[in-house]
Protein backbone atom coordinates (compact mmCIF):
# COMPACT_ATOMS: atom_id res chain seq x y z
CA MET A 1 -4.69 13.25 6.11
CA PRO A 2 -6.77 16.31 6.17
CA GLY A 3 -6.54 18.01 9.57
CA GLY A 4 -3.53 15.83 10.40
CA LYS A 5 -5.75 13.09 11.94
CA PRO A 6 -4.27 9.66 11.33
CA LEU A 7 -6.52 6.74 10.04
CA VAL A 8 -6.76 4.44 13.13
CA THR A 9 -9.85 2.30 12.61
CA LEU A 10 -11.44 0.59 9.68
CA ARG A 11 -14.28 3.08 10.10
CA ASP A 12 -11.95 6.00 9.80
CA ALA A 13 -10.38 4.53 6.59
CA ALA A 14 -13.84 3.82 5.10
CA HIS A 15 -15.03 7.31 5.87
CA TYR A 16 -11.87 8.79 4.20
CA VAL A 17 -12.51 6.58 1.07
CA THR A 18 -16.03 7.90 0.83
CA THR A 19 -14.75 11.49 0.77
CA VAL A 20 -12.20 10.95 -1.95
CA PRO A 21 -12.92 13.13 -5.10
CA LYS A 22 -14.51 11.12 -7.96
CA ALA A 23 -11.42 11.58 -10.19
CA GLU A 24 -9.28 9.65 -7.66
CA HIS A 25 -12.01 7.42 -6.58
CA ASP A 26 -11.89 5.52 -10.02
CA ALA A 27 -8.05 4.87 -9.81
CA PRO A 28 -7.17 1.12 -9.44
CA GLU A 29 -5.27 1.76 -6.20
CA TRP A 30 -8.49 3.17 -4.50
CA GLN A 31 -10.60 0.41 -6.00
CA ALA A 32 -8.24 -2.23 -4.50
CA ALA A 33 -8.26 -0.49 -1.13
CA MET A 34 -12.06 -0.35 -1.01
CA GLU A 35 -12.24 -3.93 -1.92
CA ALA A 36 -9.75 -4.93 0.84
CA LEU A 37 -11.80 -2.88 3.25
CA LEU A 38 -14.93 -4.73 2.31
CA LEU A 39 -13.20 -8.05 2.64
CA VAL A 40 -12.06 -7.22 6.20
CA ALA A 41 -15.46 -5.78 7.19
CA GLU A 42 -17.79 -8.35 5.65
CA ARG A 43 -15.78 -11.44 5.83
CA ASP A 44 -13.26 -11.08 8.65
CA GLY A 45 -10.42 -11.02 6.17
CA PRO A 46 -6.83 -10.10 7.27
CA THR A 47 -6.61 -6.48 8.37
CA MET A 48 -3.14 -6.23 6.88
CA PHE A 49 -4.56 -6.39 3.42
CA ALA A 50 -6.73 -3.35 4.32
CA ARG A 51 -3.73 -1.47 5.54
CA ILE A 52 -1.53 -2.25 2.60
CA GLY A 53 -4.24 -1.30 0.18
CA MET A 54 -4.90 2.08 1.92
CA MET A 55 -1.14 2.82 2.10
CA ARG A 56 -0.77 2.10 -1.54
CA ALA A 57 -3.74 4.23 -2.49
CA LEU A 58 -2.61 7.10 -0.26
CA HIS A 59 0.90 7.08 -1.65
CA ARG A 60 0.06 6.39 -5.32
CA HIS A 61 1.46 9.74 -6.62
CA ARG A 62 4.76 9.31 -4.80
CA PRO A 63 7.59 8.37 -7.19
CA LYS A 64 8.90 4.85 -6.91
CA ASP A 65 12.25 4.52 -5.01
CA THR A 66 15.07 3.36 -7.27
CA PRO A 67 16.66 0.22 -5.80
CA ALA A 68 20.23 0.67 -4.52
CA PRO A 69 22.89 -0.82 -6.87
CA ARG A 70 23.76 -4.36 -6.03
CA PRO A 71 27.35 -5.11 -4.90
CA LYS A 72 29.39 -7.25 -7.23
CA ALA A 73 29.68 -10.84 -6.28
CA ALA A 74 32.84 -12.01 -4.97
CA LYS A 75 34.95 -14.11 -7.31
CA ALA A 76 35.24 -17.75 -6.45
CA TYR A 77 38.63 -19.17 -6.87
CA TRP A 78 39.48 -22.77 -6.87
CA ILE A 79 42.78 -24.00 -5.33
CA VAL A 80 44.41 -26.36 -7.85
CA ARG A 81 47.10 -28.65 -6.35
């Protein structure tokens, strides 16, 4: 965040969203974050949605992490008698 101040309250998040430049403001991630904030503020929706939306919008330029390779499944052997 600018100034190193973390977003603690919904008001902080709403204030930050209103100061985002217009070019970023129209991104789908920011639109979803604003929608989630409104859901929480107006209809007492789950605050975790607002948190997830803000985190996705803030980190939208970060490259996606590649998943770790899966280990091979162990072979199953049948004992024949």
